[in-house]
Each structure stands twice: as C-alpha cells, then as structure tokens.
C-alpha atoms as a PDB file:
ATOM      1  CA  MET A   1     135.916  48.012 170.499  1.00  0.00           C
ATOM      2  CA  ARG A   2     138.641  47.531 173.082  1.00  0.00           C
ATOM      3  CA  LYS A   3     142.226  47.256 171.882  1.00  0.00           C
ATOM      4  CA  ARG A   4     143.804  43.858 172.480  1.00  0.00           C
ATOM      5  CA  ALA A   5     147.439  43.096 173.180  1.00  0.00           C
ATOM      6  CA  PRO A   6     149.452  41.637 170.257  1.00  0.00           C
ATOM      7  CA  PHE A   7     148.845  37.920 169.565  1.00  0.00           C
ATOM      8  CA  SER A   8     146.099  37.711 172.203  1.00  0.00           C
ATOM      9  CA  GLN A   9     142.851  37.263 170.284  1.00  0.00           C
ATOM     10  CA  GLY A  10     141.708  33.896 168.942  1.00  0.00           C
ATOM     11  CA  LYS A  11     140.297  34.721 165.512  1.00  0.00           C
ATOM     12  CA  CYS A  12     140.353  33.924 161.814  1.00  0.00           C
ATOM     13  CA  ILE A  13     143.107  34.969 159.427  1.00  0.00           C
ATOM     14  CA  PRO A  14     141.978  38.053 157.446  1.00  0.00           C
ATOM     15  CA  ASP A  15     142.653  36.216 154.204  1.00  0.00           C
ATOM     16  CA  PRO A  16     142.078  38.409 151.113  1.00  0.00           C
ATOM     17  CA  GLU A  17     140.160  35.737 149.170  1.00  0.00           C
ATOM     18  CA  THR A  18     137.745  34.817 151.955  1.00  0.00           C
ATOM     19  CA  SER A  19     137.248  38.484 152.830  1.00  0.00           C
ATOM     20  CA  ALA A  20     136.272  39.313 149.237  1.00  0.00           C
ATOM     21  CA  VAL A  21     133.207  37.029 149.060  1.00  0.00           C
ATOM     22  CA  LYS A  22     130.031  39.000 148.267  1.00  0.00           C
ATOM     23  CA  LEU A  23     126.957  37.781 150.087  1.00  0.00           C
ATOM     24  CA  GLU A  24     123.256  38.393 149.408  1.00  0.00           C
ATOM     25  CA  TYR A  25     120.614  35.847 150.396  1.00  0.00           C
ATOM     26  CA  ASP A  26     116.926  35.219 150.892  1.00  0.00           C
ATOM     27  CA  ILE A  27     116.307  34.803 154.628  1.00  0.00           C
ATOM     28  CA  ASN A  28     113.090  32.857 153.979  1.00  0.00           C
ATOM     29  CA  THR A  29     114.596  29.954 152.027  1.00  0.00           C
ATOM     30  CA  ASP A  30     114.767  26.790 154.166  1.00  0.00           C
ATOM     31  CA  CYS A  31     118.112  25.189 153.325  1.00  0.00           C
ATOM     32  CA  SER A  32     118.657  23.308 156.592  1.00  0.00           C
ATOM     33  CA  SER A  33     118.933  19.808 155.113  1.00  0.00           C
ATOM     34  CA  GLU A  34     121.283  20.927 152.361  1.00  0.00           C
ATOM     35  CA  TYR A  35     123.346  22.857 154.906  1.00  0.00           C
ATOM     36  CA  SER A  36     123.751  19.857 157.237  1.00  0.00           C
ATOM     37  CA  ASP A  37     124.683  17.514 154.388  1.00  0.00           C
ATOM     38  CA  MET A  38     127.174  19.981 152.925  1.00  0.00           C
ATOM     39  CA  TYR A  39     128.778  20.692 156.286  1.00  0.00           C
ATOM     40  CA  ARG A  40     129.309  16.977 156.953  1.00  0.00           C
ATOM     41  CA  LYS A  41     130.890  16.474 153.531  1.00  0.00           C
ATOM     42  CA  TRP A  42     133.044  19.586 153.961  1.00  0.00           C
ATOM     43  CA  ILE A  43     134.458  18.159 157.198  1.00  0.00           C
ATOM     44  CA  THR A  44     135.043  14.608 155.991  1.00  0.00           C
ATOM     45  CA  SER A  45     136.574  15.717 152.684  1.00  0.00           C
ATOM     46  CA  THR A  46     139.728  16.976 154.443  1.00  0.00           C
ATOM     47  CA  GLN A  47     142.970  15.623 153.022  1.00  0.00           C
ATOM     48  CA  GLU A  48     145.149  17.213 155.710  1.00  0.00           C
ATOM     49  CA  ASN A  49     143.457  15.536 158.706  1.00  0.00           C
ATOM     50  CA  THR A  50     141.892  12.193 159.582  1.00  0.00           C
ATOM     51  CA  VAL A  51     138.239  12.165 160.677  1.00  0.00           C
ATOM     52  CA  LEU A  52     136.926   8.971 162.285  1.00  0.00           C
ATOM     53  CA  GLY A  53     133.394   8.109 163.387  1.00  0.00           C
ATOM     54  CA  LEU A  54     131.438  11.213 162.435  1.00  0.00           C
ATOM     55  CA  GLU A  55     129.024   8.945 160.575  1.00  0.00           C
ATOM     56  CA  ASN A  56     127.876   7.596 163.964  1.00  0.00           C
ATOM     57  CA  PHE A  57     126.325  10.986 164.740  1.00  0.00           C
ATOM     58  CA  THR A  58     123.375  10.857 162.406  1.00  0.00           C
ATOM     59  CA  ASP A  59     121.482  13.843 163.817  1.00  0.00           C
ATOM     60  CA  ALA A  60     122.823  17.188 162.557  1.00  0.00           C
ATOM     61  CA  VAL A  61     121.290  20.556 163.472  1.00  0.00           C
ATOM     62  CA  PHE A  62     122.261  24.188 163.022  1.00  0.00           C
ATOM     63  CA  SER A  63     123.898  25.846 166.028  1.00  0.00           C
ATOM     64  CA  GLN A  64     124.733  29.503 166.577  1.00  0.00           C
ATOM     65  CA  GLY A  65     128.474  28.848 166.473  1.00  0.00           C
ATOM     66  CA  THR A  66     129.556  26.192 168.953  1.00  0.00           C
ATOM     67  CA  THR A  67     128.359  28.307 171.883  1.00  0.00           C
ATOM     68  CA  GLU A  68     124.646  27.564 171.530  1.00  0.00           C
ATOM     69  CA  SER A  69     125.402  23.848 171.673  1.00  0.00           C
ATOM     70  CA  PHE A  70     127.319  24.368 174.918  1.00  0.00           C
ATOM     71  CA  ASP A  71     124.232  25.932 176.506  1.00  0.00           C
ATOM     72  CA  LYS A  72     122.130  22.896 175.639  1.00  0.00           C
ATOM     73  CA  PHE A  73     124.804  20.548 177.022  1.00  0.00           C
ATOM     74  CA  TYR A  74     124.930  22.497 180.319  1.00  0.00           C
ATOM     75  CA  THR A  75     121.156  22.257 180.634  1.00  0.00           C
ATOM     76  CA  ARG A  76     120.962  18.583 179.760  1.00  0.00           C
ATOM     77  CA  HIS A  77     123.577  17.765 182.398  1.00  0.00           C
ATOM     78  CA  ARG A  78     122.671  20.381 184.984  1.00  0.00           C
ATOM     79  CA  ASN A  79     122.840  17.738 187.743  1.00  0.00           C
ATOM     80  CA  ARG A  80     126.442  16.902 186.857  1.00  0.00           C
ATOM     81  CA  THR A  81     129.642  18.892 187.429  1.00  0.00           C
ATOM     82  CA  LEU A  82     131.311  20.198 184.294  1.00  0.00           C
ATOM     83  CA  ARG A  83     135.010  19.352 183.962  1.00  0.00           C
ATOM     84  CA  ILE A  84     137.232  21.252 181.549  1.00  0.00           C
ATOM     85  CA  PHE A  85     140.950  21.858 181.166  1.00  0.00           C
ATOM     86  CA  ARG A  86     142.416  25.203 182.109  1.00  0.00           C
ATOM     87  CA  GLY A  87     142.843  27.256 178.963  1.00  0.00           C
ATOM     88  CA  GLU A  88     139.526  26.160 177.434  1.00  0.00           C
ATOM     89  CA  TYR A  89     136.955  28.648 176.142  1.00  0.00           C
ATOM     90  CA  SER A  90     136.348  31.069 179.046  1.00  0.00           C
ATOM     91  CA  TYR A  91     132.597  31.106 178.356  1.00  0.00           C
ATOM     92  CA  HIS A  92     132.255  27.828 180.265  1.00  0.00           C
ATOM     93  CA  ASN A  93     133.413  29.444 183.489  1.00  0.00           C
ATOM     94  CA  TYR A  94     130.934  32.303 183.118  1.00  0.00           C
ATOM     95  CA  MET A  95     127.941  30.074 182.449  1.00  0.00           C
ATOM     96  CA  THR A  96     128.214  27.220 184.933  1.00  0.00           C
ATOM     97  CA  ASP A  97     130.250  25.867 187.832  1.00  0.00           C
ATOM     98  CA  THR A  98     133.335  24.091 186.551  1.00  0.00           C
ATOM     99  CA  ILE A  99     136.107  21.985 188.046  1.00  0.00           C
ATOM    100  CA  SER A 100     139.440  21.809 186.284  1.00  0.00           C
ATOM    101  CA  LEU A 101     140.484  18.482 184.824  1.00  0.00           C
ATOM    102  CA  ASP A 102     144.019  19.552 185.738  1.00  0.00           C
ATOM    103  CA  ASP A 103     143.172  19.405 189.462  1.00  0.00           C
ATOM    104  CA  ILE A 104     140.623  16.661 190.095  1.00  0.00           C
ATOM    105  CA  GLY A 105     140.016  13.412 188.261  1.00  0.00           C
ATOM    106  CA  ILE A 106     136.786  12.500 186.514  1.00  0.00           C
ATOM    107  CA  THR A 107     134.033  11.094 188.731  1.00  0.00           C
ATOM    108  CA  ASN A 108     130.851   9.282 187.756  1.00  0.00           C
ATOM    109  CA  ASN A 109     128.902  12.514 188.332  1.00  0.00           C
ATOM    110  CA  SER A 110     130.996  14.535 185.892  1.00  0.00           C
ATOM    111  CA  CYS A 111     130.336  15.754 182.377  1.00  0.00           C
ATOM    112  CA  VAL A 112     133.152  16.956 180.130  1.00  0.00           C
ATOM    113  CA  ILE A 113     133.675  19.512 177.378  1.00  0.00           C
ATOM    114  CA  ILE A 114     136.982  19.157 175.564  1.00  0.00           C
ATOM    115  CA  SER A 115     138.302  20.916 172.489  1.00  0.00           C
ATOM    116  CA  ILE A 116     140.256  19.369 169.652  1.00  0.00           C
ATOM    117  CA  PRO A 117     142.366  21.113 168.530  1.00  0.00           C
ATOM    118  CA  PHE A 118     142.833  22.200 172.162  1.00  0.00           C
ATOM    119  CA  ALA A 119     141.951  25.865 172.568  1.00  0.00           C
ATOM    120  CA  ASP A 120     145.097  26.565 174.578  1.00  0.00           C
ATOM    121  CA  SER A 121     147.662  24.997 172.239  1.00  0.00           C
ATOM    122  CA  GLY A 122     146.050  23.865 168.967  1.00  0.00           C
ATOM    123  CA  THR A 123     147.088  20.244 169.633  1.00  0.00           C
ATOM    124  CA  GLU A 124     145.425  16.944 170.579  1.00  0.00           C
ATOM    125  CA  TYR A 125     146.255  17.704 174.241  1.00  0.00           C
ATOM    126  CA  GLN A 126     145.229  14.690 176.421  1.00  0.00           C
ATOM    127  CA  TYR A 127     142.218  14.043 174.172  1.00  0.00           C
ATOM    128  CA  HIS A 128     142.512  10.276 173.904  1.00  0.00           C
ATOM    129  CA  GLN A 129     143.369   9.845 177.579  1.00  0.00           C
ATOM    130  CA  ILE A 130     140.213  11.722 178.626  1.00  0.00           C
ATOM    131  CA  MET A 131     138.015   9.932 176.088  1.00  0.00           C
ATOM    132  CA  LYS A 132     139.122   6.526 177.355  1.00  0.00           C
ATOM    133  CA  GLU A 133     138.474   7.473 180.975  1.00  0.00           C
ATOM    134  CA  CYS A 134     135.048   8.969 180.221  1.00  0.00           C
ATOM    135  CA  THR A 135     134.072   5.876 178.235  1.00  0.00           C
ATOM    136  CA  ARG A 136     135.140   3.627 181.109  1.00  0.00           C
ATOM    137  CA  LYS A 137     133.154   5.663 183.667  1.00  0.00           C
ATOM    138  CA  GLY A 138     130.106   6.415 181.501  1.00  0.00           C
ATOM    139  CA  VAL A 139     130.689  10.175 181.588  1.00  0.00           C
ATOM    140  CA  PRO A 140     129.027  12.222 178.786  1.00  0.00           C
ATOM    141  CA  VAL A 141     131.296  14.382 176.605  1.00  0.00           C
ATOM    142  CA  LEU A 142     130.865  17.259 174.168  1.00  0.00           C
ATOM    143  CA  VAL A 143     133.755  17.618 171.699  1.00  0.00           C
ATOM    144  CA  ASP A 144     134.384  21.192 170.556  1.00  0.00           C
ATOM    145  CA  CYS A 145     136.012  21.393 167.102  1.00  0.00           C
ATOM    146  CA  CYS A 146     135.769  25.144 166.574  1.00  0.00           C
ATOM    147  CA  TRP A 147     139.352  25.352 165.198  1.00  0.00           C
ATOM    148  CA  PHE A 148     138.667  22.731 162.515  1.00  0.00           C
ATOM    149  CA  GLY A 149     139.167  24.337 159.104  1.00  0.00           C
ATOM    150  CA  THR A 150     142.464  25.888 160.176  1.00  0.00           C
ATOM    151  CA  CYS A 151     144.481  22.757 161.026  1.00  0.00           C
ATOM    152  CA  GLY A 152     146.302  19.770 159.547  1.00  0.00           C
ATOM    153  CA  GLU A 153     148.153  16.639 160.608  1.00  0.00           C
ATOM    154  CA  MET A 154     145.511  15.834 163.239  1.00  0.00           C
ATOM    155  CA  THR A 155     143.236  12.874 163.968  1.00  0.00           C
ATOM    156  CA  PHE A 156     139.656  13.648 164.958  1.00  0.00           C
ATOM    157  CA  ASP A 157     138.536  10.386 166.555  1.00  0.00           C
ATOM    158  CA  PHE A 158     134.829  10.455 167.379  1.00  0.00           C
ATOM    159  CA  THR A 159     134.472   6.684 167.833  1.00  0.00           C
ATOM    160  CA  TYR A 160     134.491   6.828 171.647  1.00  0.00           C
ATOM    161  CA  PRO A 161     131.064   5.803 173.049  1.00  0.00           C
ATOM    162  CA  CYS A 162     131.145   8.550 175.697  1.00  0.00           C
ATOM    163  CA  ILE A 163     130.753  11.310 173.085  1.00  0.00           C
ATOM    164  CA  GLU A 164     127.239  12.779 172.893  1.00  0.00           C
ATOM    165  CA  ASP A 165     127.885  15.882 170.794  1.00  0.00           C
ATOM    166  CA  VAL A 166     130.474  16.964 168.241  1.00  0.00           C
ATOM    167  CA  VAL A 167     130.261  20.653 167.393  1.00  0.00           C
ATOM    168  CA  PHE A 168     131.862  22.819 164.710  1.00  0.00           C
ATOM    169  CA  SER A 169     131.912  26.520 163.834  1.00  0.00           C
ATOM    170  CA  MET A 170     133.206  28.639 160.948  1.00  0.00           C
ATOM    171  CA  SER A 171     134.127  31.610 163.150  1.00  0.00           C
ATOM    172  CA  LYS A 172     137.837  30.746 163.368  1.00  0.00           C
ATOM    173  CA  THR A 173     138.133  29.820 159.679  1.00  0.00           C
ATOM    174  CA  PHE A 174     136.326  32.574 157.783  1.00  0.00           C
ATOM    175  CA  PRO A 175     135.598  36.296 158.423  1.00  0.00           C
ATOM    176  CA  ILE A 176     131.973  35.617 159.353  1.00  0.00           C
ATOM    177  CA  SER A 177     132.119  35.186 163.132  1.00  0.00           C
ATOM    178  CA  ARG A 178     129.243  37.613 163.753  1.00  0.00           C
ATOM    179  CA  LEU A 179     126.906  35.394 161.747  1.00  0.00           C
ATOM    180  CA  ARG A 180     127.376  32.533 164.250  1.00  0.00           C
ATOM    181  CA  ILE A 181     127.564  29.710 161.714  1.00  0.00           C
ATOM    182  CA  GLY A 182     127.924  26.295 163.320  1.00  0.00           C
ATOM    183  CA  ILE A 183     126.560  22.776 163.548  1.00  0.00           C
ATOM    184  CA  ARG A 184     125.997  20.096 166.144  1.00  0.00           C
ATOM    185  CA  PHE A 185     126.268  16.396 165.354  1.00  0.00           C
ATOM    186  CA  SER A 186     124.664  14.055 167.886  1.00  0.00           C
ATOM    187  CA  ARG A 187     123.253  10.565 168.222  1.00  0.00           C
ATOM    188  CA  GLY A 188     119.757  12.070 168.352  1.00  0.00           C
ATOM    189  CA  TYR A 189     117.631  13.447 171.204  1.00  0.00           C
ATOM    190  CA  THR A 190     115.011  16.130 171.694  1.00  0.00           C
ATOM    191  CA  ASP A 191     116.082  19.512 173.040  1.00  0.00           C
ATOM    192  CA  GLY A 192     115.925  23.172 172.025  1.00  0.00           C
ATOM    193  CA  LEU A 193     118.177  22.830 168.977  1.00  0.00           C
ATOM    194  CA  HIS A 194     116.166  19.842 167.777  1.00  0.00           C
ATOM    195  CA  ALA A 195     112.913  21.782 168.240  1.00  0.00           C
ATOM    196  CA  TYR A 196     114.282  24.756 166.269  1.00  0.00           C
ATOM    197  CA  SER A 197     115.229  22.422 163.433  1.00  0.00           C
ATOM    198  CA  ARG A 198     111.921  20.557 163.489  1.00  0.00           C
ATOM    199  CA  ASP A 199     109.918  23.793 163.244  1.00  0.00           C
ATOM    200  CA  SER A 200     112.313  25.509 160.783  1.00  0.00           C
ATOM    201  CA  TYR A 201     112.856  28.277 163.342  1.00  0.00           C
ATOM    202  CA  LEU A 202     116.348  28.818 162.032  1.00  0.00           C
ATOM    203  CA  ASN A 203     118.791  31.392 160.692  1.00  0.00           C
ATOM    204  CA  PHE A 204     118.604  30.567 156.993  1.00  0.00           C
ATOM    205  CA  ASN A 205     120.715  33.589 156.091  1.00  0.00           C
ATOM    206  CA  SER A 206     123.687  32.325 158.096  1.00  0.00           C
ATOM    207  CA  MET A 207     123.260  28.843 156.648  1.00  0.00           C
ATOM    208  CA  GLN A 208     123.368  30.175 153.098  1.00  0.00           C
ATOM    209  CA  VAL A 209     126.472  32.216 153.863  1.00  0.00           C
ATOM    210  CA  GLY A 210     128.127  29.112 155.305  1.00  0.00           C
ATOM    211  CA  MET A 211     127.186  27.099 152.226  1.00  0.00           C
ATOM    212  CA  GLU A 212     128.671  29.753 149.953  1.00  0.00           C
ATOM    213  CA  TYR A 213     131.978  29.571 151.839  1.00  0.00           C
ATOM    214  CA  MET A 214     132.008  25.770 151.814  1.00  0.00           C
ATOM    215  CA  ASN A 215     131.400  25.820 148.062  1.00  0.00           C
ATOM    216  CA  LYS A 216     134.275  28.229 147.461  1.00  0.00           C
ATOM    217  CA  PHE A 217     136.858  27.003 149.994  1.00  0.00           C
ATOM    218  CA  SER A 218     137.750  23.488 151.144  1.00  0.00           C
ATOM    219  CA  SER A 219     138.245  22.618 154.803  1.00  0.00           C
ATOM    220  CA  ASP A 220     141.993  22.491 154.039  1.00  0.00           C
ATOM    221  CA  TYR A 221     142.208  25.871 152.290  1.00  0.00           C
ATOM    222  CA  ILE A 222     143.472  27.906 155.251  1.00  0.00           C
ATOM    223  CA  PHE A 223     145.959  25.260 156.430  1.00  0.00           C
ATOM    224  CA  THR A 224     147.529  24.634 153.020  1.00  0.00           C
ATOM    225  CA  LYS A 225     147.755  28.335 152.190  1.00  0.00           C
ATOM    226  CA  TYR A 226     149.293  29.459 155.462  1.00  0.00           C
ATOM    227  CA  ARG A 227     151.268  26.505 156.819  1.00  0.00           C
ATOM    228  CA  SER A 228     154.628  27.574 155.357  1.00  0.00           C
ATOM    229  CA  LYS A 229     153.989  31.173 156.445  1.00  0.00           C
ATOM    230  CA  GLN A 230     153.201  29.985 159.975  1.00  0.00           C
ATOM    231  CA  LEU A 231     156.410  27.940 160.186  1.00  0.00           C
ATOM    232  CA  LYS A 232     158.471  30.868 158.912  1.00  0.00           C
ATOM    233  CA  LEU A 233     156.912  33.325 161.357  1.00  0.00           C
ATOM    234  CA  CYS A 234     157.287  30.938 164.289  1.00  0.00           C
ATOM    235  CA  LYS A 235     160.971  30.518 163.498  1.00  0.00           C
ATOM    236  CA  GLU A 236     161.422  34.294 163.463  1.00  0.00           C
ATOM    237  CA  LEU A 237     159.587  34.661 166.794  1.00  0.00           C
ATOM    238  CA  ALA A 238     161.300  31.606 168.345  1.00  0.00           C
ATOM    239  CA  VAL A 239     157.945  30.045 169.291  1.00  0.00           C
ATOM    240  CA  LEU A 240     156.469  26.590 168.698  1.00  0.00           C
ATOM    241  CA  PRO A 241     154.021  26.179 165.787  1.00  0.00           C
ATOM    242  CA  SER A 242     150.864  24.182 166.382  1.00  0.00           C
ATOM    243  CA  PRO A 243     148.808  22.056 163.964  1.00  0.00           C
ATOM    244  CA  VAL A 244     146.457  25.072 163.840  1.00  0.00           C
ATOM    245  CA  VAL A 245     148.111  27.576 161.508  1.00  0.00           C
ATOM    246  CA  ASN A 246     146.624  30.505 163.443  1.00  0.00           C
ATOM    247  CA  LEU A 247     148.247  29.429 166.714  1.00  0.00           C
ATOM    248  CA  ALA A 248     151.636  28.954 168.346  1.00  0.00           C
ATOM    249  CA  THR A 249     152.952  28.621 171.904  1.00  0.00           C
ATOM    250  CA  GLY A 250     155.699  30.663 173.476  1.00  0.00           C
ATOM    251  CA  VAL A 251     158.072  29.839 176.318  1.00  0.00           C
ATOM    252  CA  GLY A 252     159.584  32.534 178.502  1.00  0.00           C
ATOM    253  CA  LYS A 253     158.582  35.644 180.406  1.00  0.00           C
ATOM    254  CA  GLN A 254     158.061  37.687 177.250  1.00  0.00           C
ATOM    255  CA  TRP A 255     155.005  35.529 176.448  1.00  0.00           C
ATOM    256  CA  ASP A 256     153.614  35.122 179.973  1.00  0.00           C
ATOM    257  CA  TYR A 257     151.045  37.864 179.333  1.00  0.00           C
ATOM    258  CA  LEU A 258     149.345  35.465 176.920  1.00  0.00           C
ATOM    259  CA  ASN A 259     148.774  32.713 179.480  1.00  0.00           C
ATOM    260  CA  ARG A 260     145.061  31.904 179.717  1.00  0.00           C
ATOM    261  CA  GLY A 261     145.247  29.924 182.947  1.00  0.00           C
ATOM    262  CA  GLY A 262     146.460  26.705 181.352  1.00  0.00           C
ATOM    263  CA  PRO A 263     149.879  25.193 180.708  1.00  0.00           C
ATOM    264  CA  TYR A 264     150.610  27.257 177.592  1.00  0.00           C
ATOM    265  CA  ASN A 265     151.271  30.824 176.505  1.00  0.00           C
ATOM    266  CA  ARG A 266     149.132  30.883 173.354  1.00  0.00           C
ATOM    267  CA  LEU A 267     149.867  33.225 170.484  1.00  0.00           C
ATOM    268  CA  CYS A 268     147.267  33.920 167.817  1.00  0.00           C
ATOM    269  CA  LEU A 269     149.186  34.681 164.616  1.00  0.00           C
ATOM    270  CA  SER A 270     146.227  35.550 162.402  1.00  0.00           C
ATOM    271  CA  ASP A 271     146.966  39.218 161.744  1.00  0.00           C
ATOM    272  CA  GLN A 272     150.686  38.681 161.290  1.00  0.00           C
ATOM    273  CA  LEU A 273     150.372  35.805 158.804  1.00  0.00           C
ATOM    274  CA  ILE A 274     149.074  37.978 155.986  1.00  0.00           C
ATOM    275  CA  GLN A 275     152.241  40.083 156.295  1.00  0.00           C
ATOM    276  CA  VAL A 276     154.686  37.170 155.939  1.00  0.00           C
END
C-alpha cells in the first residue's frame, strides 16, 4: 500500500470502540428489507443534524458504497453532461466526461452530482444555490452524503424536486470501507440496483455488518465523541474546523500540497484525532 502524505487521505477515524466490533454472519440470510428500514431510521434519528424530505424517496436499495450508485446515474444520464464542483470525488473524472460547475453554468442538458457535506470542505458549499437552479431548469441531481455519520450542525434538505437519488455510505464513519456498505434512496425506477434488489442478488454479509454497526452506534456517535478533540486540534494547527469532525481546511503555502483542485486545502484529521 502506498504511503500517503500527512492529512491527505479521506477516511474514517480509527476509533477504538468501532474497531473492536467482532463480526460473523451468514451470507445466505436475506436481510435487505430490514437493512433498508434500519438505515433510514439511523439517518433520520440524528440529533446533531436536520434531515428534511428523505421520506419522499420511498425506494431504498443496497449500493456498494456510494460509488455503485454513481455508475447507475452516469448510465441513466449518458446523453447529458455531468457537472461537478472541483474538489469532488475524483472517481467522477475517471469514469465520465465532466464539466466543472466552477467554470460553466448549468444548462438544460446537464446532470449534477453534488456532495453534502462537500467533499472538499465538509460544509454545505453552494448546495442550496445549485439545488434551486437545477429545480428551475429541470436538471437531474444525485446527492452524495458519504460523510454523513461524521458531522453535526448541518441541514440535509432533500425536498428539492430536482433530486433523483440520495446516497449514503458507512466507509467514512466506521472501519469497514472494504465491505462497501451503502444505500441509495430514490423516487423509484428500474435499473441495475433495482434488479439486484428484486432478485435478492445482494451482499447480505455487508448488510448484516452494517446493521450491527447501526445497532451499536448512533449516526451522531462519531461527531459527539470527537467534536471537542477536532476543535482543539484545529486550534493547535491554526486551521479551520468543518462540520465534519474528520476534516478541516488550511490556508497558506504549508497546506497547498493538500489542494484537490478546488477552492480548499482539505486536511483529513482522522489519524491525529485519536491522539488528542
């Protein structure tokens, strides 16, 4: 495994409690309905954030992290041009032609993927502005919430009519990224993820692991445990804390090596937080 520069990797906090969970499951037990129901409740039970409109997305299917849902969105809108902000998940640039939202405005032939918290800063960066414009122009949107479970003091507003998919993953919250545990909420349509779910052609092992974590740890666990540590560390480093406890942004040449092409120099604090 290649060695990464300090603060450069976006990953979960190696929390002792979450790392100590022992996992053994039956890969043949279909738990897809229970998994979807539990995941929805786990999200909406947050006391540190506000979640609006998730109930409008009645169709919920397992996704291999958020990434598998992106692939289906690219395919569904292959005749449109994907618009993303600089600093978003680099996978988008590898998989399809993209145009930066920072450079060119949204046209009627666009589709948009936007993260909240924003992958480059852990904030609500331009979210509402983009949602209003996409709604006005009838542009389809996928909302990527992969950092949910690590944040607080945020509003997740899914009431905008332009939103087709809202996707979540546990990879940034718990030490189970290799199991690719995620979910896609949609208004309902037939595609590959729907077909997998219909035919029970699913990763039941990953679902059961996810359910075990949701049973043991609330969606606020990481934020409430590490918020004060994050603020203390950020003060020591002279960087700006974000609503995501794993992340901060730095100003100045010393942090320029962490720039991911967007407006921020993003620090991932995960390894350092357990030492505070």
